[in-house]
Amino acid sequence: MSFVETAKEHWGDELPDWVRRLAEEADATSQNRVARRVGYTAGALSSVFRCRYGASMAGIEEQVRGVLMKKTVTCPVLGEIGAHDCRAWRGRARSFSSHNALSVRMFRACKRCPMNKGADDAAT
């Protein structure tokens, strides 16, 4: 059974477009390969395909939309960036680092950004 068929079976008519895209990519390459691309484990993806992921799927969805579906957002500092890159910066901005000027600028910008929704939105 393909990953798309598995997802359809478990999600039914409510199959989100991002889960379908994730399953299509797993069918085209492999579950392990697509898991590495989106930054999650193959087991996590298997749970998503079966609609049994125990935590919020918002992070996985954002990674899939950014990495596989090429969704972009407008960053006040960097301009147009991938949604997954935005998510990574938001995760880094949870604590201050004066490592370099860009980190300081991003810390300040991310704290004020409407994309920064809170703790369950942090990068993996």
N, C-alpha and C. Protein backbone atom coordinates (compact mmCIF):
# COMPACT_ATOMS: atom_id res chain seq x y z
N MET A 1 0.85 -1.18 0.00
CA MET A 1 0.00 0.00 0.00
C MET A 1 0.90 1.24 0.00
N SER A 2 0.58 2.19 -0.83
CA SER A 2 1.38 3.41 -0.91
C SER A 2 1.09 4.31 0.29
N PHE A 3 1.95 5.30 0.52
CA PHE A 3 1.74 6.25 1.61
C PHE A 3 0.50 7.10 1.36
N VAL A 4 0.24 7.44 0.12
CA VAL A 4 -0.97 8.22 -0.22
C VAL A 4 -2.21 7.39 0.11
N GLU A 5 -2.21 6.12 -0.25
CA GLU A 5 -3.35 5.25 0.05
C GLU A 5 -3.55 5.12 1.56
N THR A 6 -2.45 4.96 2.29
CA THR A 6 -2.53 4.87 3.75
C THR A 6 -3.13 6.14 4.34
N ALA A 7 -2.66 7.28 3.88
CA ALA A 7 -3.17 8.56 4.39
C ALA A 7 -4.65 8.72 4.07
N LYS A 8 -5.05 8.38 2.85
CA LYS A 8 -6.46 8.47 2.47
C LYS A 8 -7.33 7.56 3.34
N GLU A 9 -6.83 6.36 3.60
CA GLU A 9 -7.58 5.40 4.41
C GLU A 9 -7.82 5.93 5.83
N HIS A 10 -6.80 6.55 6.41
CA HIS A 10 -6.90 6.99 7.81
C HIS A 10 -7.49 8.39 7.97
N TRP A 11 -7.29 9.26 7.01
CA TRP A 11 -7.82 10.62 7.10
C TRP A 11 -9.20 10.75 6.46
N GLY A 12 -9.49 9.88 5.51
CA GLY A 12 -10.78 9.95 4.82
C GLY A 12 -10.89 11.21 3.97
N ASP A 13 -12.09 11.78 3.94
CA ASP A 13 -12.34 12.98 3.14
C ASP A 13 -11.66 14.22 3.69
N GLU A 14 -11.17 14.15 4.91
CA GLU A 14 -10.54 15.29 5.57
C GLU A 14 -9.02 15.36 5.33
N LEU A 15 -8.50 14.60 4.38
CA LEU A 15 -7.06 14.56 4.12
C LEU A 15 -6.55 15.96 3.74
N PRO A 16 -5.72 16.56 4.61
CA PRO A 16 -5.19 17.89 4.29
C PRO A 16 -4.23 17.84 3.10
N ASP A 17 -4.13 18.95 2.38
CA ASP A 17 -3.26 19.01 1.21
C ASP A 17 -1.80 18.77 1.57
N TRP A 18 -1.37 19.23 2.74
CA TRP A 18 0.03 19.06 3.12
C TRP A 18 0.35 17.59 3.47
N VAL A 19 -0.61 16.85 4.02
CA VAL A 19 -0.40 15.43 4.30
C VAL A 19 -0.33 14.66 2.99
N ARG A 20 -1.20 15.03 2.05
CA ARG A 20 -1.15 14.40 0.73
C ARG A 20 0.21 14.64 0.07
N ARG A 21 0.70 15.88 0.13
CA ARG A 21 2.00 16.21 -0.49
C ARG A 21 3.13 15.44 0.18
N LEU A 22 3.07 15.34 1.49
CA LEU A 22 4.08 14.58 2.25
C LEU A 22 4.06 13.11 1.83
N ALA A 23 2.88 12.54 1.72
CA ALA A 23 2.74 11.14 1.31
C ALA A 23 3.21 10.92 -0.13
N GLU A 24 2.90 11.88 -1.01
CA GLU A 24 3.36 11.77 -2.40
C GLU A 24 4.88 11.78 -2.46
N GLU A 25 5.50 12.63 -1.66
CA GLU A 25 6.97 12.70 -1.65
C GLU A 25 7.56 11.41 -1.09
N ALA A 26 6.94 10.85 -0.06
CA ALA A 26 7.41 9.57 0.50
C ALA A 26 7.28 8.46 -0.53
N ASP A 27 6.20 8.47 -1.30
CA ASP A 27 6.04 7.46 -2.37
C ASP A 27 7.10 7.64 -3.46
N ALA A 28 7.41 8.89 -3.78
CA ALA A 28 8.36 9.18 -4.87
C ALA A 28 9.81 8.90 -4.46
N THR A 29 10.14 9.10 -3.19
CA THR A 29 11.52 8.89 -2.74
C THR A 29 11.53 7.74 -1.73
N SER A 30 11.44 8.08 -0.47
CA SER A 30 11.29 7.09 0.61
C SER A 30 10.84 7.84 1.85
N GLN A 31 10.27 7.12 2.78
CA GLN A 31 9.81 7.75 4.02
C GLN A 31 11.00 8.33 4.79
N ASN A 32 12.09 7.61 4.86
CA ASN A 32 13.27 8.10 5.57
C ASN A 32 13.84 9.36 4.92
N ARG A 33 13.91 9.37 3.62
CA ARG A 33 14.47 10.52 2.91
C ARG A 33 13.62 11.78 3.12
N VAL A 34 12.31 11.65 2.99
CA VAL A 34 11.45 12.82 3.17
C VAL A 34 11.44 13.24 4.64
N ALA A 35 11.56 12.29 5.55
CA ALA A 35 11.61 12.62 6.98
C ALA A 35 12.84 13.49 7.26
N ARG A 36 13.98 13.13 6.71
CA ARG A 36 15.19 13.94 6.88
C ARG A 36 15.01 15.33 6.29
N ARG A 37 14.38 15.41 5.12
CA ARG A 37 14.17 16.71 4.47
C ARG A 37 13.33 17.66 5.30
N VAL A 38 12.30 17.13 5.95
CA VAL A 38 11.42 18.00 6.73
C VAL A 38 11.83 18.09 8.20
N GLY A 39 12.84 17.33 8.60
CA GLY A 39 13.38 17.46 9.96
C GLY A 39 12.64 16.69 11.03
N TYR A 40 11.96 15.63 10.65
CA TYR A 40 11.26 14.77 11.61
C TYR A 40 11.68 13.33 11.38
N THR A 41 11.28 12.45 12.28
CA THR A 41 11.62 11.04 12.12
C THR A 41 10.62 10.34 11.20
N ALA A 42 11.03 9.22 10.66
CA ALA A 42 10.13 8.43 9.82
C ALA A 42 8.93 7.96 10.65
N GLY A 43 9.15 7.68 11.92
CA GLY A 43 8.06 7.27 12.80
C GLY A 43 7.01 8.37 12.97
N ALA A 44 7.49 9.61 13.10
CA ALA A 44 6.56 10.74 13.21
C ALA A 44 5.72 10.85 11.94
N LEU A 45 6.36 10.71 10.78
CA LEU A 45 5.62 10.78 9.52
C LEU A 45 4.61 9.66 9.41
N SER A 46 4.99 8.47 9.84
CA SER A 46 4.07 7.34 9.82
C SER A 46 2.83 7.66 10.66
N SER A 47 3.03 8.28 11.81
CA SER A 47 1.91 8.67 12.67
C SER A 47 1.04 9.72 11.99
N VAL A 48 1.66 10.63 11.26
CA VAL A 48 0.89 11.64 10.52
C VAL A 48 0.05 10.97 9.44
N PHE A 49 0.65 10.06 8.68
CA PHE A 49 -0.08 9.37 7.62
C PHE A 49 -1.29 8.63 8.18
N ARG A 50 -1.16 8.13 9.40
CA ARG A 50 -2.23 7.35 10.02
C ARG A 50 -3.13 8.20 10.93
N CYS A 51 -2.92 9.52 10.91
CA CYS A 51 -3.73 10.46 11.70
C CYS A 51 -3.67 10.12 13.19
N ARG A 52 -2.49 9.73 13.65
CA ARG A 52 -2.32 9.32 15.05
C ARG A 52 -1.18 10.07 15.74
N TYR A 53 -0.72 11.15 15.18
CA TYR A 53 0.37 11.90 15.79
C TYR A 53 -0.14 12.51 17.09
N GLY A 54 0.52 12.22 18.19
CA GLY A 54 0.04 12.60 19.51
C GLY A 54 0.12 14.08 19.84
N ALA A 55 1.04 14.78 19.26
CA ALA A 55 1.22 16.20 19.55
C ALA A 55 0.56 17.04 18.45
N SER A 56 0.70 18.34 18.57
CA SER A 56 0.18 19.24 17.54
C SER A 56 0.93 18.98 16.23
N MET A 57 0.20 18.97 15.14
CA MET A 57 0.82 18.77 13.83
C MET A 57 1.20 20.09 13.18
N ALA A 58 1.02 21.21 13.87
CA ALA A 58 1.30 22.52 13.29
C ALA A 58 2.75 22.66 12.84
N GLY A 59 3.68 22.15 13.63
CA GLY A 59 5.09 22.24 13.27
C GLY A 59 5.43 21.43 12.04
N ILE A 60 4.92 20.20 11.99
CA ILE A 60 5.16 19.35 10.82
C ILE A 60 4.52 19.99 9.59
N GLU A 61 3.30 20.48 9.76
CA GLU A 61 2.62 21.12 8.63
C GLU A 61 3.45 22.29 8.09
N GLU A 62 3.97 23.12 8.99
CA GLU A 62 4.74 24.27 8.54
C GLU A 62 6.02 23.84 7.83
N GLN A 63 6.66 22.80 8.33
CA GLN A 63 7.86 22.28 7.67
C GLN A 63 7.53 21.76 6.27
N VAL A 64 6.46 21.00 6.16
CA VAL A 64 6.06 20.44 4.85
C VAL A 64 5.71 21.57 3.88
N ARG A 65 4.94 22.54 4.36
CA ARG A 65 4.56 23.65 3.48
C ARG A 65 5.79 24.44 3.02
N GLY A 66 6.77 24.61 3.90
CA GLY A 66 7.97 25.35 3.54
C GLY A 66 8.93 24.56 2.66
N VAL A 67 9.22 23.33 3.06
CA VAL A 67 10.21 22.51 2.36
C VAL A 67 9.66 21.91 1.07
N LEU A 68 8.51 21.29 1.14
CA LEU A 68 7.98 20.56 -0.02
C LEU A 68 7.05 21.39 -0.89
N MET A 69 6.31 22.31 -0.28
CA MET A 69 5.32 23.09 -1.04
C MET A 69 5.81 24.50 -1.33
N LYS A 70 7.02 24.82 -0.90
CA LYS A 70 7.70 26.09 -1.19
C LYS A 70 6.94 27.33 -0.71
N LYS A 71 6.20 27.20 0.40
CA LYS A 71 5.50 28.35 0.96
C LYS A 71 6.53 29.35 1.50
N THR A 72 6.30 30.62 1.25
CA THR A 72 7.19 31.66 1.75
C THR A 72 6.42 32.65 2.62
N VAL A 73 7.17 33.36 3.44
CA VAL A 73 6.62 34.43 4.27
C VAL A 73 7.54 35.64 4.13
N THR A 74 7.02 36.81 4.47
CA THR A 74 7.84 38.02 4.41
C THR A 74 8.38 38.33 5.79
N CYS A 75 9.68 38.29 5.91
CA CYS A 75 10.39 38.58 7.16
C CYS A 75 10.80 40.05 7.14
N PRO A 76 10.59 40.79 8.24
CA PRO A 76 10.98 42.19 8.26
C PRO A 76 12.50 42.41 8.15
N VAL A 77 13.28 41.39 8.45
CA VAL A 77 14.74 41.51 8.40
C VAL A 77 15.31 40.89 7.12
N LEU A 78 14.86 39.67 6.79
CA LEU A 78 15.45 38.92 5.68
C LEU A 78 14.68 39.02 4.37
N GLY A 79 13.47 39.57 4.41
CA GLY A 79 12.64 39.63 3.20
C GLY A 79 11.89 38.33 3.01
N GLU A 80 11.73 37.90 1.78
CA GLU A 80 10.98 36.68 1.46
C GLU A 80 11.83 35.45 1.80
N ILE A 81 11.31 34.63 2.73
CA ILE A 81 12.02 33.40 3.14
C ILE A 81 11.03 32.25 3.20
N GLY A 82 11.55 31.04 3.18
CA GLY A 82 10.71 29.86 3.30
C GLY A 82 10.05 29.81 4.67
N ALA A 83 8.84 29.28 4.73
CA ALA A 83 8.12 29.18 6.00
C ALA A 83 8.91 28.35 7.01
N HIS A 84 9.60 27.33 6.53
CA HIS A 84 10.41 26.50 7.42
C HIS A 84 11.62 27.27 7.96
N ASP A 85 12.19 28.18 7.17
CA ASP A 85 13.30 29.00 7.66
C ASP A 85 12.80 29.99 8.72
N CYS A 86 11.62 30.54 8.49
CA CYS A 86 11.00 31.44 9.47
C CYS A 86 10.81 30.69 10.78
N ARG A 87 10.32 29.49 10.70
CA ARG A 87 10.09 28.68 11.90
C ARG A 87 11.40 28.41 12.64
N ALA A 88 12.46 28.15 11.90
CA ALA A 88 13.76 27.91 12.52
C ALA A 88 14.26 29.17 13.24
N TRP A 89 14.11 30.33 12.61
CA TRP A 89 14.52 31.58 13.26
C TRP A 89 13.69 31.86 14.50
N ARG A 90 12.39 31.59 14.45
CA ARG A 90 11.54 31.78 15.63
C ARG A 90 12.01 30.90 16.77
N GLY A 91 12.41 29.68 16.45
CA GLY A 91 12.93 28.77 17.48
C GLY A 91 14.21 29.31 18.10
N ARG A 92 15.10 29.84 17.27
CA ARG A 92 16.36 30.40 17.77
C ARG A 92 16.12 31.66 18.59
N ALA A 93 15.08 32.40 18.25
CA ALA A 93 14.80 33.68 18.91
C ALA A 93 14.15 33.51 20.29
N ARG A 94 13.93 32.28 20.70
CA ARG A 94 13.34 32.05 22.02
C ARG A 94 14.30 32.46 23.13
N SER A 95 15.59 32.48 22.84
CA SER A 95 16.56 32.96 23.82
C SER A 95 17.54 33.90 23.12
N PHE A 96 17.98 34.89 23.86
CA PHE A 96 18.85 35.92 23.27
C PHE A 96 20.25 35.37 23.08
N SER A 97 20.84 35.72 21.94
CA SER A 97 22.24 35.39 21.67
C SER A 97 22.87 36.57 20.95
N SER A 98 23.98 37.04 21.52
CA SER A 98 24.69 38.15 20.88
C SER A 98 25.82 37.61 20.00
N HIS A 99 25.66 36.38 19.54
CA HIS A 99 26.66 35.69 18.72
C HIS A 99 27.08 36.52 17.51
N ASN A 100 26.10 37.13 16.85
CA ASN A 100 26.41 38.00 15.72
C ASN A 100 25.27 39.01 15.56
N ALA A 101 25.50 40.01 14.75
CA ALA A 101 24.52 41.08 14.59
C ALA A 101 23.20 40.57 14.03
N LEU A 102 23.25 39.60 13.13
CA LEU A 102 22.02 39.07 12.56
C LEU A 102 21.17 38.37 13.63
N SER A 103 21.81 37.62 14.50
CA SER A 103 21.08 36.95 15.58
C SER A 103 20.36 37.96 16.47
N VAL A 104 21.01 39.07 16.77
CA VAL A 104 20.40 40.13 17.59
C VAL A 104 19.21 40.74 16.85
N ARG A 105 19.40 41.06 15.58
CA ARG A 105 18.29 41.63 14.78
C ARG A 105 17.11 40.68 14.69
N MET A 106 17.41 39.40 14.47
CA MET A 106 16.33 38.42 14.35
C MET A 106 15.63 38.20 15.69
N PHE A 107 16.37 38.20 16.79
CA PHE A 107 15.76 38.07 18.11
C PHE A 107 14.73 39.17 18.31
N ARG A 108 15.11 40.39 18.02
CA ARG A 108 14.20 41.53 18.20
C ARG A 108 13.01 41.46 17.24
N ALA A 109 13.29 41.16 15.99
CA ALA A 109 12.22 41.11 14.99
C ALA A 109 11.24 39.96 15.27
N CYS A 110 11.77 38.80 15.59
CA CYS A 110 10.90 37.64 15.82
C CYS A 110 10.00 37.85 17.04
N LYS A 111 10.50 38.52 18.05
CA LYS A 111 9.69 38.76 19.25
C LYS A 111 8.45 39.60 18.93
N ARG A 112 8.56 40.49 17.94
CA ARG A 112 7.44 41.37 17.58
C ARG A 112 6.61 40.86 16.41
N CYS A 113 7.07 39.82 15.77
CA CYS A 113 6.44 39.34 14.54
C CYS A 113 5.12 38.61 14.81
N PRO A 114 4.10 38.88 14.02
CA PRO A 114 2.83 38.16 14.19
C PRO A 114 2.92 36.66 13.86
N MET A 115 3.98 36.25 13.16
CA MET A 115 4.16 34.82 12.87
C MET A 115 4.57 34.05 14.13
N ASN A 116 5.10 34.75 15.12
CA ASN A 116 5.60 34.12 16.34
C ASN A 116 4.43 33.91 17.30
N LYS A 117 3.82 32.72 17.23
CA LYS A 117 2.59 32.44 17.96
C LYS A 117 2.80 31.89 19.36
N GLY A 118 3.98 31.33 19.66
CA GLY A 118 4.18 30.81 21.00
C GLY A 118 4.99 29.54 21.05
N ALA A 119 4.97 28.91 22.21
CA ALA A 119 5.85 27.78 22.52
C ALA A 119 5.67 26.58 21.61
N ASP A 120 4.42 26.22 21.27
CA ASP A 120 4.23 25.03 20.44
C ASP A 120 4.55 25.29 18.98
N ASP A 121 4.96 26.51 18.69
CA ASP A 121 5.32 26.90 17.34
C ASP A 121 6.84 26.87 17.14
N ALA A 122 7.59 26.53 18.18
CA ALA A 122 9.05 26.58 18.11
C ALA A 122 9.60 25.48 17.21
N ALA A 123 10.80 25.73 16.72
CA ALA A 123 11.45 24.77 15.82
C ALA A 123 11.80 23.49 16.55
N THR A 124 11.85 22.44 15.80
CA THR A 124 12.19 21.13 16.34
C THR A 124 13.66 20.98 16.51
